[in-house]
């Protein structure tokens, strides 16, 4: 039953409310970091193409489960080319993210039926991404601040907006209150396992009734 959970990435991201965006020195470090996040109760993680050997990291983490036994949803960010988009999907990526408008990636997502969170900064870019797929990454978010998100939500009330860039973990609730569905965080999360788990426990909720019914699993069960 647990293996059959097929939550849409949008629902899982919005429920988690904080999306870790990993830029690591190599694939092994990305796998270790992702595994620690999953053990802390995080389910959705964005790896990036700036990590050397990132396809291997995606392939190694995509089959994992989180602390509640739910299948991990591993996305790939900084995807701007057809080649990277196809490589990410072949490696098992659950969704793609670009930092700015990326027509080539949008075309791949449309052709493959893949989930794509397209980046933008101007209202026109963000509206175009939302019209295409219902969601947009706002980058670099710190330039506009939470008030910019409020302004965007006033004209795009149903959009799933994920501000990313220059946001500290302690500021997440300010962005959520402004209308962000979730907030991308690239650094600043605690290294201590207990403190990291507390961050996700404080923010996240189940994305559906099936997720709410899945009990927590032990570390040994998550690795099996």
Protein backbone atom coordinates (compact mmCIF):
# COMPACT_ATOMS: atom_id res chain seq x y z
CA UNK A 1 0.00 0.00 0.00
CA UNK A 2 2.75 2.44 0.93
CA UNK A 3 4.53 1.88 -2.34
CA UNK A 4 1.36 2.86 -4.22
CA UNK A 5 1.24 6.41 -2.82
CA UNK A 6 1.37 8.66 -5.86
CA UNK A 7 0.93 12.18 -4.54
CA UNK A 8 1.41 14.90 -7.11
CA UNK A 9 4.64 16.83 -6.48
CA UNK A 10 2.70 20.09 -6.22
CA UNK A 11 0.58 18.69 -3.38
CA UNK A 12 3.61 17.29 -1.59
CA UNK A 13 5.61 20.52 -1.96
CA UNK A 14 2.71 22.64 -0.71
CA UNK A 15 2.18 20.32 2.25
CA UNK A 16 5.88 20.30 3.16
CA UNK A 17 6.06 24.11 2.83
CA UNK A 18 9.86 24.18 2.86
CA UNK A 19 11.72 22.84 -0.17
CA UNK A 20 15.43 22.13 0.39
CA UNK A 21 17.52 23.04 -2.65
CA UNK A 22 20.85 21.20 -2.56
CA UNK A 23 24.06 22.32 -4.23
CA UNK A 24 26.74 19.85 -3.19
CA UNK A 25 30.38 19.23 -4.02
CA UNK A 26 29.70 15.77 -5.46
CA UNK A 27 27.06 13.07 -5.84
CA UNK A 28 28.03 11.22 -2.66
CA UNK A 29 27.55 14.37 -0.59
CA UNK A 30 24.20 15.00 -2.27
CA UNK A 31 23.07 11.47 -1.40
CA UNK A 32 24.16 11.85 2.23
CA UNK A 33 22.44 15.21 2.53
CA UNK A 34 19.24 13.93 0.93
CA UNK A 35 19.19 10.82 3.12
CA UNK A 36 19.52 13.00 6.23
CA UNK A 37 16.62 15.18 5.08
CA UNK A 38 14.42 12.16 4.42
CA UNK A 39 15.22 10.76 7.85
CA UNK A 40 14.20 14.10 9.35
CA UNK A 41 10.71 13.92 7.88
CA UNK A 42 11.33 15.77 4.63
CA UNK A 43 9.83 14.04 1.60
CA UNK A 44 10.51 16.42 -1.29
CA UNK A 45 14.09 17.47 -2.10
CA UNK A 46 15.45 19.44 -5.03
CA UNK A 47 18.92 18.46 -6.22
CA UNK A 48 20.60 20.70 -8.77
CA UNK A 49 22.57 20.29 -11.98
CA UNK A 50 25.38 22.35 -10.41
CA UNK A 51 26.38 19.27 -8.39
CA UNK A 52 29.01 17.21 -10.22
CA UNK A 53 27.59 13.78 -10.99
CA UNK A 54 24.05 14.89 -10.22
CA UNK A 55 22.35 12.21 -12.41
CA UNK A 56 23.85 9.49 -10.23
CA UNK A 57 22.67 11.28 -7.10
CA UNK A 58 19.13 11.43 -8.48
CA UNK A 59 19.17 7.77 -9.46
CA UNK A 60 20.39 6.76 -5.99
CA UNK A 61 17.90 8.86 -4.03
CA UNK A 62 14.75 8.56 -6.14
CA UNK A 63 13.95 5.03 -4.83
CA UNK A 64 14.28 6.06 -1.15
CA UNK A 65 11.50 6.68 1.36
CA UNK A 66 11.02 9.33 3.98
CA UNK A 67 10.63 8.91 7.74
CA UNK A 68 6.95 8.08 7.27
CA UNK A 69 7.59 5.38 4.69
CA UNK A 70 6.36 7.44 1.76
CA UNK A 71 8.25 7.35 -1.55
CA UNK A 72 10.67 10.25 -1.82
CA UNK A 73 10.02 12.90 -4.47
CA UNK A 74 13.39 13.99 -5.82
CA UNK A 75 13.36 16.95 -8.17
CA UNK A 76 16.14 18.45 -10.23
CA UNK A 77 16.72 22.19 -10.30
CA UNK A 78 18.76 24.54 -12.48
CA UNK A 79 17.45 22.63 -15.50
CA UNK A 80 17.64 24.88 -18.56
CA UNK A 81 18.35 22.58 -21.53
CA UNK A 82 16.65 19.72 -23.31
CA UNK A 83 19.57 17.44 -22.52
CA UNK A 84 19.49 18.09 -18.79
CA UNK A 85 15.71 17.73 -18.70
CA UNK A 86 15.81 14.32 -20.39
CA UNK A 87 18.75 13.18 -18.26
CA UNK A 88 16.91 14.16 -15.08
CA UNK A 89 13.74 12.33 -16.06
CA UNK A 90 15.70 9.25 -17.12
CA UNK A 91 17.40 9.24 -13.71
CA UNK A 92 14.03 9.21 -11.96
CA UNK A 93 13.34 12.87 -11.20
CA UNK A 94 9.81 13.50 -9.95
CA UNK A 95 9.84 17.10 -11.15
CA UNK A 96 12.02 19.68 -12.91
CA UNK A 97 12.79 23.26 -11.86
CA UNK A 98 14.40 26.09 -13.80
CA UNK A 99 15.70 29.39 -12.36
CA UNK A 100 14.29 31.45 -15.25
CA UNK A 101 12.05 30.93 -18.31
CA UNK A 102 13.24 27.81 -20.14
CA UNK A 103 11.20 27.07 -23.28
CA UNK A 104 13.25 23.97 -24.09
CA UNK A 105 12.48 22.43 -20.72
CA UNK A 106 8.83 23.40 -20.98
CA UNK A 107 8.66 21.56 -24.30
CA UNK A 108 10.22 18.42 -22.80
CA UNK A 109 7.83 18.51 -19.86
CA UNK A 110 4.86 18.88 -22.18
CA UNK A 111 6.00 16.04 -24.41
CA UNK A 112 6.83 13.68 -21.53
CA UNK A 113 3.97 14.62 -19.22
CA UNK A 114 6.52 15.72 -16.60
CA UNK A 115 6.03 18.18 -13.76
CA UNK A 116 7.92 21.42 -14.38
CA UNK A 117 8.20 24.40 -12.03
CA UNK A 118 9.43 27.16 -14.31
CA UNK A 119 11.32 30.09 -12.87
CA UNK A 120 10.72 33.77 -13.41
CA UNK A 121 10.95 37.13 -11.73
CA UNK A 122 8.82 39.63 -13.60
CA UNK A 123 5.03 39.37 -13.30
CA UNK A 124 4.87 38.44 -17.00
CA UNK A 125 7.35 35.60 -16.63
CA UNK A 126 5.62 34.26 -13.55
CA UNK A 127 2.16 34.50 -15.12
CA UNK A 128 3.41 32.66 -18.21
CA UNK A 129 4.79 29.82 -16.08
CA UNK A 130 1.55 29.61 -14.10
CA UNK A 131 -0.58 29.55 -17.25
CA UNK A 132 1.57 26.72 -18.56
CA UNK A 133 1.65 24.46 -15.53
CA UNK A 134 -0.06 26.13 -12.56
CA UNK A 135 3.15 26.82 -10.67
CA UNK A 136 6.16 29.12 -10.78
CA UNK A 137 9.45 29.56 -8.97
CA UNK A 138 10.14 33.20 -8.09
CA UNK A 139 13.89 33.82 -8.27
CA UNK A 140 15.76 35.66 -6.85
CA UNK A 141 12.99 36.11 -4.31
CA UNK A 142 14.86 38.23 -1.78
CA UNK A 143 14.97 41.12 -4.24
CA UNK A 144 11.21 41.59 -4.08
CA UNK A 145 10.56 40.30 -0.58
CA UNK A 146 7.31 38.89 0.81
CA UNK A 147 5.34 41.95 -0.33
CA UNK A 148 6.15 41.03 -3.94
CA UNK A 149 4.52 37.63 -3.37
CA UNK A 150 1.43 39.36 -1.96
CA UNK A 151 1.19 41.46 -5.09
CA UNK A 152 1.56 38.42 -7.34
CA UNK A 153 -1.11 36.45 -5.46
CA UNK A 154 -3.51 39.35 -5.84
CA UNK A 155 -3.56 38.78 -9.61
CA UNK A 156 -2.69 35.04 -9.59
CA UNK A 157 -4.75 33.80 -6.61
CA UNK A 158 -4.70 30.13 -7.60
CA UNK A 159 -1.02 29.95 -8.51
CA UNK A 160 1.39 27.71 -6.65
CA UNK A 161 4.28 30.10 -6.09
CA UNK A 162 7.63 28.99 -4.68
CA UNK A 163 9.97 31.88 -3.82
CA UNK A 164 13.63 30.86 -3.71
CA UNK A 165 16.90 32.69 -3.28
CA UNK A 166 18.32 34.56 -0.30
CA UNK A 167 15.67 33.33 2.14
CA UNK A 168 16.76 32.16 5.60
CA UNK A 169 14.94 29.32 7.40
CA UNK A 170 13.72 31.69 10.11
CA UNK A 171 11.94 33.80 7.50
CA UNK A 172 9.88 30.97 5.97
CA UNK A 173 6.67 31.80 7.82
CA UNK A 174 6.78 35.42 6.63
CA UNK A 175 6.82 34.21 3.02
CA UNK A 176 4.08 31.67 3.65
CA UNK A 177 1.93 34.35 5.23
CA UNK A 178 2.43 36.44 2.08
CA UNK A 179 0.92 33.68 -0.05
CA UNK A 180 3.82 31.40 -0.98
CA UNK A 181 2.80 27.76 -1.29
CA UNK A 182 6.28 26.71 -0.20
CA UNK A 183 9.69 28.30 0.17
CA UNK A 184 12.93 27.12 -1.40
CA UNK A 185 15.88 27.09 1.02
CA UNK A 186 19.42 26.61 -0.24
CA UNK A 187 21.34 26.93 3.02
CA UNK A 188 20.98 27.49 6.73
CA UNK A 189 19.06 24.37 7.74
CA UNK A 190 20.39 22.81 10.96
CA UNK A 191 22.83 19.91 10.72
CA UNK A 192 21.70 18.34 13.98
CA UNK A 193 19.20 15.54 13.15
CA UNK A 194 16.83 16.45 15.97
CA UNK A 195 16.80 20.13 15.12
CA UNK A 196 16.31 19.35 11.44
CA UNK A 197 13.38 17.06 12.21
CA UNK A 198 11.85 19.79 14.34
CA UNK A 199 11.92 22.22 11.41
CA UNK A 200 9.85 19.92 9.21
CA UNK A 201 7.56 18.81 12.05
CA UNK A 202 6.77 22.46 12.76
CA UNK A 203 5.95 23.38 9.16
CA UNK A 204 4.75 20.31 7.28
CA UNK A 205 1.41 18.57 7.11
CA UNK A 206 0.02 15.61 5.14
CA UNK A 207 -0.75 16.31 1.49
CA UNK A 208 -3.61 13.81 1.41
CA UNK A 209 -5.53 11.37 3.62
CA UNK A 210 -3.38 8.46 2.47
CA UNK A 211 -0.20 10.24 3.58
CA UNK A 212 -1.74 11.04 6.94
CA UNK A 213 -2.41 7.33 7.50
CA UNK A 214 1.14 6.16 6.78
CA UNK A 215 2.95 5.44 10.07
CA UNK A 216 6.53 6.46 10.74
CA UNK A 217 9.17 3.83 9.95
CA UNK A 218 12.50 3.03 11.48
CA UNK A 219 15.76 3.90 9.74
CA UNK A 220 16.32 0.23 8.84
CA UNK A 221 12.90 0.04 7.22
CA UNK A 222 13.53 3.21 5.22
CA UNK A 223 16.71 1.77 3.77
CA UNK A 224 15.12 -1.56 2.81
